[in-house]
Amino acid sequence: MAQTLKTGDTVKVIAGDHKGTVAKIVKVDRTAHKAMLENLNLRERHLRATQYNPKGGKKTIHVGIDLSNLKKEDK
């Protein structure tokens, strides 16, 4: 049975490095079948120097967790 997960839902991670963690969904990417969770699975991207960003720098991004590894939590 397919789950309907959407932004704002509270989910529990059932597989992977963050197994057992409960978090809220920030964004869902339906084409890649991934969900971005609040304060979970964050990475830093290094940005090259450009005309609009002359110094370059770092940017923190969410890395998605596959929807099959998530379970909707009941309230």
N, C-alpha and C. Protein backbone atom coordinates (compact mmCIF):
# COMPACT_ATOMS: atom_id res chain seq x y z
N MET A 1 0.83 -1.19 0.00
CA MET A 1 0.00 0.00 0.00
C MET A 1 0.87 1.25 0.00
N ALA A 2 0.57 2.18 -0.88
CA ALA A 2 1.36 3.39 -1.00
C ALA A 2 0.99 4.40 0.07
N GLN A 3 2.01 5.07 0.60
CA GLN A 3 1.79 6.11 1.59
C GLN A 3 1.62 7.45 0.88
N THR A 4 0.87 8.33 1.47
CA THR A 4 0.77 9.68 0.96
C THR A 4 1.48 10.59 1.95
N LEU A 5 2.73 10.91 1.66
CA LEU A 5 3.51 11.80 2.52
C LEU A 5 3.54 13.17 1.89
N LYS A 6 3.36 14.19 2.73
CA LYS A 6 3.40 15.55 2.23
C LYS A 6 4.16 16.45 3.20
N THR A 7 4.46 17.64 2.77
CA THR A 7 5.18 18.61 3.59
C THR A 7 4.42 18.87 4.89
N GLY A 8 5.16 18.82 6.00
CA GLY A 8 4.56 19.07 7.31
C GLY A 8 4.23 17.81 8.08
N ASP A 9 4.22 16.65 7.42
CA ASP A 9 3.94 15.39 8.11
C ASP A 9 5.11 15.01 9.01
N THR A 10 4.80 14.33 10.11
CA THR A 10 5.82 13.81 11.00
C THR A 10 6.05 12.34 10.62
N VAL A 11 7.31 11.99 10.37
CA VAL A 11 7.64 10.63 9.93
C VAL A 11 8.74 10.04 10.80
N LYS A 12 8.84 8.72 10.75
CA LYS A 12 9.90 8.00 11.45
C LYS A 12 10.74 7.30 10.40
N VAL A 13 12.07 7.39 10.53
CA VAL A 13 12.98 6.73 9.61
C VAL A 13 13.08 5.26 10.04
N ILE A 14 12.79 4.34 9.11
CA ILE A 14 12.76 2.92 9.46
C ILE A 14 13.95 2.15 8.93
N ALA A 15 14.82 2.80 8.15
CA ALA A 15 16.01 2.13 7.62
C ALA A 15 17.10 3.16 7.35
N GLY A 16 18.34 2.73 7.43
CA GLY A 16 19.46 3.61 7.12
C GLY A 16 20.18 4.11 8.36
N ASP A 17 21.06 5.08 8.15
CA ASP A 17 21.89 5.62 9.23
C ASP A 17 21.08 6.31 10.32
N HIS A 18 19.94 6.89 9.97
CA HIS A 18 19.15 7.64 10.92
C HIS A 18 17.94 6.84 11.41
N LYS A 19 18.05 5.52 11.42
CA LYS A 19 16.95 4.64 11.80
C LYS A 19 16.44 4.98 13.20
N GLY A 20 15.11 5.09 13.33
CA GLY A 20 14.50 5.38 14.62
C GLY A 20 14.27 6.85 14.88
N THR A 21 14.80 7.71 14.04
CA THR A 21 14.66 9.15 14.24
C THR A 21 13.30 9.63 13.75
N VAL A 22 12.67 10.50 14.53
CA VAL A 22 11.39 11.09 14.15
C VAL A 22 11.65 12.54 13.76
N ALA A 23 11.13 12.95 12.58
CA ALA A 23 11.36 14.31 12.10
C ALA A 23 10.18 14.76 11.24
N LYS A 24 10.15 16.06 10.96
CA LYS A 24 9.09 16.64 10.13
C LYS A 24 9.61 16.81 8.70
N ILE A 25 8.74 16.59 7.71
CA ILE A 25 9.12 16.74 6.30
C ILE A 25 9.12 18.21 5.93
N VAL A 26 10.24 18.65 5.32
CA VAL A 26 10.37 20.03 4.86
C VAL A 26 9.97 20.15 3.40
N LYS A 27 10.35 19.14 2.59
CA LYS A 27 10.08 19.17 1.16
C LYS A 27 10.02 17.74 0.64
N VAL A 28 9.19 17.50 -0.38
CA VAL A 28 9.08 16.18 -1.00
C VAL A 28 9.40 16.32 -2.48
N ASP A 29 10.32 15.48 -2.97
CA ASP A 29 10.67 15.45 -4.39
C ASP A 29 10.06 14.18 -4.97
N ARG A 30 8.91 14.32 -5.62
CA ARG A 30 8.16 13.17 -6.13
C ARG A 30 8.88 12.47 -7.29
N THR A 31 9.60 13.21 -8.13
CA THR A 31 10.27 12.58 -9.27
C THR A 31 11.43 11.70 -8.83
N ALA A 32 12.14 12.10 -7.78
CA ALA A 32 13.27 11.31 -7.28
C ALA A 32 12.86 10.38 -6.14
N HIS A 33 11.60 10.44 -5.70
CA HIS A 33 11.07 9.62 -4.60
C HIS A 33 11.86 9.84 -3.31
N LYS A 34 12.12 11.11 -2.99
CA LYS A 34 12.88 11.45 -1.79
C LYS A 34 12.17 12.54 -1.00
N ALA A 35 12.41 12.54 0.31
CA ALA A 35 11.87 13.57 1.19
C ALA A 35 13.02 14.20 1.96
N MET A 36 12.97 15.51 2.14
CA MET A 36 13.96 16.23 2.92
C MET A 36 13.38 16.44 4.31
N LEU A 37 14.13 16.04 5.34
CA LEU A 37 13.64 16.12 6.71
C LEU A 37 14.34 17.24 7.47
N GLU A 38 13.61 17.82 8.43
CA GLU A 38 14.08 18.96 9.19
C GLU A 38 15.30 18.58 10.05
N ASN A 39 16.40 19.30 9.88
CA ASN A 39 17.65 19.12 10.63
C ASN A 39 18.20 17.69 10.55
N LEU A 40 18.00 17.02 9.44
CA LEU A 40 18.45 15.65 9.28
C LEU A 40 19.05 15.48 7.89
N ASN A 41 20.21 14.84 7.81
CA ASN A 41 20.86 14.54 6.55
C ASN A 41 21.26 15.82 5.81
N LEU A 42 21.92 16.74 6.51
CA LEU A 42 22.38 17.99 5.92
C LEU A 42 23.82 17.83 5.44
N ARG A 43 24.13 18.46 4.31
CA ARG A 43 25.48 18.43 3.76
C ARG A 43 25.87 19.85 3.35
N GLU A 44 27.17 20.09 3.19
CA GLU A 44 27.65 21.39 2.73
C GLU A 44 28.12 21.30 1.29
N ARG A 45 27.61 22.20 0.45
CA ARG A 45 28.05 22.29 -0.93
C ARG A 45 29.05 23.44 -1.02
N HIS A 46 30.13 23.23 -1.75
CA HIS A 46 31.11 24.28 -1.96
C HIS A 46 30.80 24.98 -3.27
N LEU A 47 30.71 26.31 -3.20
CA LEU A 47 30.35 27.11 -4.37
C LEU A 47 31.59 27.78 -4.94
N ARG A 48 31.72 27.71 -6.25
CA ARG A 48 32.85 28.38 -6.88
C ARG A 48 32.59 29.88 -6.97
N ALA A 49 33.65 30.63 -7.10
CA ALA A 49 33.54 32.08 -7.22
C ALA A 49 32.94 32.44 -8.57
N THR A 50 31.95 33.31 -8.57
CA THR A 50 31.31 33.77 -9.80
C THR A 50 31.24 35.29 -9.76
N GLN A 51 30.70 35.86 -10.81
CA GLN A 51 30.55 37.31 -10.87
C GLN A 51 29.60 37.80 -9.77
N TYR A 52 28.57 37.01 -9.49
CA TYR A 52 27.58 37.41 -8.49
C TYR A 52 27.98 37.01 -7.07
N ASN A 53 28.89 36.06 -6.95
CA ASN A 53 29.38 35.59 -5.66
C ASN A 53 30.91 35.52 -5.74
N PRO A 54 31.59 36.68 -5.69
CA PRO A 54 33.03 36.73 -5.96
C PRO A 54 33.90 35.90 -5.02
N LYS A 55 33.46 35.69 -3.78
CA LYS A 55 34.27 34.94 -2.83
C LYS A 55 34.00 33.44 -2.87
N GLY A 56 32.91 33.02 -3.49
CA GLY A 56 32.55 31.60 -3.42
C GLY A 56 31.97 31.32 -2.04
N GLY A 57 32.24 30.14 -1.52
CA GLY A 57 31.79 29.84 -0.16
C GLY A 57 31.14 28.48 -0.02
N LYS A 58 30.36 28.33 1.05
CA LYS A 58 29.68 27.07 1.34
C LYS A 58 28.20 27.33 1.51
N LYS A 59 27.41 26.30 1.20
CA LYS A 59 25.96 26.38 1.34
C LYS A 59 25.47 25.06 1.91
N THR A 60 24.65 25.11 2.95
CA THR A 60 24.10 23.91 3.56
C THR A 60 22.85 23.50 2.81
N ILE A 61 22.79 22.22 2.39
CA ILE A 61 21.63 21.72 1.65
C ILE A 61 21.08 20.46 2.32
N HIS A 62 19.84 20.12 2.02
CA HIS A 62 19.24 18.88 2.47
C HIS A 62 19.53 17.79 1.44
N VAL A 63 19.88 16.61 1.92
CA VAL A 63 20.01 15.45 1.05
C VAL A 63 18.81 14.57 1.35
N GLY A 64 18.10 14.17 0.33
CA GLY A 64 16.85 13.46 0.52
C GLY A 64 17.02 12.04 1.05
N ILE A 65 16.00 11.58 1.74
CA ILE A 65 15.90 10.20 2.20
C ILE A 65 14.78 9.55 1.40
N ASP A 66 15.02 8.35 0.90
CA ASP A 66 14.05 7.67 0.05
C ASP A 66 12.72 7.48 0.80
N LEU A 67 11.63 7.65 0.07
CA LEU A 67 10.30 7.54 0.69
C LEU A 67 10.03 6.15 1.24
N SER A 68 10.67 5.13 0.67
CA SER A 68 10.45 3.76 1.16
C SER A 68 11.07 3.54 2.54
N ASN A 69 11.96 4.44 2.97
CA ASN A 69 12.60 4.33 4.27
C ASN A 69 11.90 5.15 5.35
N LEU A 70 10.72 5.67 5.03
CA LEU A 70 9.98 6.52 5.96
C LEU A 70 8.62 5.91 6.28
N LYS A 71 8.17 6.15 7.51
CA LYS A 71 6.86 5.67 7.95
C LYS A 71 6.15 6.83 8.62
N LYS A 72 4.92 7.09 8.23
CA LYS A 72 4.15 8.19 8.79
C LYS A 72 3.81 7.89 10.24
N GLU A 73 4.06 8.88 11.11
CA GLU A 73 3.79 8.74 12.54
C GLU A 73 2.36 9.19 12.83
N ASP A 74 1.66 8.42 13.65
CA ASP A 74 0.33 8.81 14.08
C ASP A 74 0.44 9.81 15.22
N LYS A 75 -0.52 10.69 15.31
CA LYS A 75 -0.47 11.72 16.35
C LYS A 75 -1.10 11.27 17.62
